[in-house]
Amino acid sequence: MVVDSFPELMDLFARWAPAVQAASIAEAISDLSRYGMDGDGLVERVAARAVYGSNELHDLMRADKRRDDALRWEQRRQRRQEG
């Protein structure tokens, strides 16, 4: 795309901004669904996703999920031993 003036550039940005915003929101929802983020901390995770972006947060979310899964597994193992 080629623009000849600053007003044309601003018009181009204005036309594409809603599509870019919608794609970003859709990606955030997809990430949350993929990681099963339907419990505690959902709002915090969405806010962090908006602040830090997808690349940095992706690794953090994956590490948190692994830690949470390991903790749940250990709790189940302890309950079986006790019961």
Protein backbone atom coordinates (compact mmCIF):
# COMPACT_ATOMS: atom_id res chain seq x y z
CA MET A 1 0.00 0.00 0.00
CA VAL A 2 1.17 3.46 -0.80
CA VAL A 3 0.02 6.70 0.74
CA ASP A 4 0.88 10.16 -0.52
CA SER A 5 0.15 12.23 2.54
CA PHE A 6 -0.09 12.11 6.30
CA PRO A 7 -3.90 12.34 6.28
CA GLU A 8 -4.04 9.32 3.94
CA LEU A 9 -1.75 7.44 6.33
CA MET A 10 -4.00 8.26 9.28
CA ASP A 11 -7.04 7.15 7.26
CA LEU A 12 -5.30 3.87 6.46
CA PHE A 13 -4.52 3.31 10.16
CA ALA A 14 -8.10 4.12 11.10
CA ARG A 15 -9.44 1.61 8.60
CA TRP A 16 -7.16 -1.23 9.72
CA ALA A 17 -7.18 -0.62 13.48
CA PRO A 18 -10.45 -2.48 14.19
CA ALA A 19 -9.28 -5.57 12.29
CA VAL A 20 -5.94 -5.62 14.09
CA GLN A 21 -7.63 -5.10 17.45
CA ALA A 22 -10.13 -7.90 16.79
CA ALA A 23 -7.35 -10.28 15.76
CA SER A 24 -5.43 -9.47 18.93
CA ILE A 25 -8.47 -10.10 21.13
CA ALA A 26 -9.24 -13.35 19.31
CA GLU A 27 -5.67 -14.54 19.86
CA ALA A 28 -5.86 -13.71 23.57
CA ILE A 29 -9.11 -15.67 23.93
CA SER A 30 -7.62 -18.58 22.03
CA ASP A 31 -4.60 -18.61 24.34
CA LEU A 32 -6.81 -18.58 27.41
CA SER A 33 -8.94 -21.41 26.07
CA ARG A 34 -5.91 -23.48 25.09
CA TYR A 35 -4.45 -23.26 28.58
CA GLY A 36 -7.71 -23.80 30.40
CA MET A 37 -7.53 -20.43 32.10
CA ASP A 38 -11.04 -20.54 33.48
CA GLY A 39 -10.20 -20.53 37.16
CA ASP A 40 -8.45 -18.20 39.57
CA GLY A 41 -6.30 -15.48 38.09
CA LEU A 42 -8.09 -15.14 34.77
CA VAL A 43 -8.35 -11.35 34.94
CA GLU A 44 -4.71 -11.05 35.97
CA ARG A 45 -3.61 -13.24 33.10
CA VAL A 46 -5.62 -11.28 30.56
CA ALA A 47 -4.17 -8.04 31.88
CA ALA A 48 -0.64 -9.44 31.76
CA ARG A 49 -1.25 -10.64 28.20
CA ALA A 50 -2.24 -7.11 27.21
CA VAL A 51 0.78 -5.55 28.94
CA TYR A 52 3.57 -7.98 28.05
CA GLY A 53 2.40 -9.27 24.68
CA SER A 54 2.01 -12.76 23.40
CA ASN A 55 5.62 -13.95 23.15
CA GLU A 56 6.78 -13.21 26.67
CA LEU A 57 3.55 -14.22 28.33
CA HIS A 58 3.23 -17.43 26.34
CA ASP A 59 6.27 -18.91 28.07
CA LEU A 60 5.12 -17.66 31.48
CA MET A 61 1.64 -19.11 30.99
CA ARG A 62 3.09 -22.46 29.93
CA ALA A 63 5.38 -22.55 33.00
CA ASP A 64 2.48 -21.63 35.29
CA LYS A 65 0.32 -24.38 33.80
CA ARG A 66 3.05 -26.98 34.26
CA ARG A 67 3.56 -25.88 37.87
CA ASP A 68 -0.17 -25.96 38.59
CA ASP A 69 -0.54 -29.38 36.96
CA ALA A 70 2.37 -30.75 38.99
CA LEU A 71 0.87 -29.34 42.20
CA ARG A 72 -2.53 -30.92 41.46
CA TRP A 73 -0.88 -34.24 40.65
CA GLU A 74 1.03 -34.17 43.94
CA GLN A 75 -2.15 -33.32 45.87
CA ARG A 76 -3.97 -36.27 44.28
CA ARG A 77 -1.08 -38.59 45.09
CA GLN A 78 -1.10 -37.47 48.73
CA ARG A 79 -4.87 -37.98 49.02
CA ARG A 80 -4.56 -41.51 47.66
CA GLN A 81 -1.85 -42.34 50.17
CA GLU A 82 -3.89 -40.93 53.05
CA GLY A 83 -7.18 -42.50 52.04
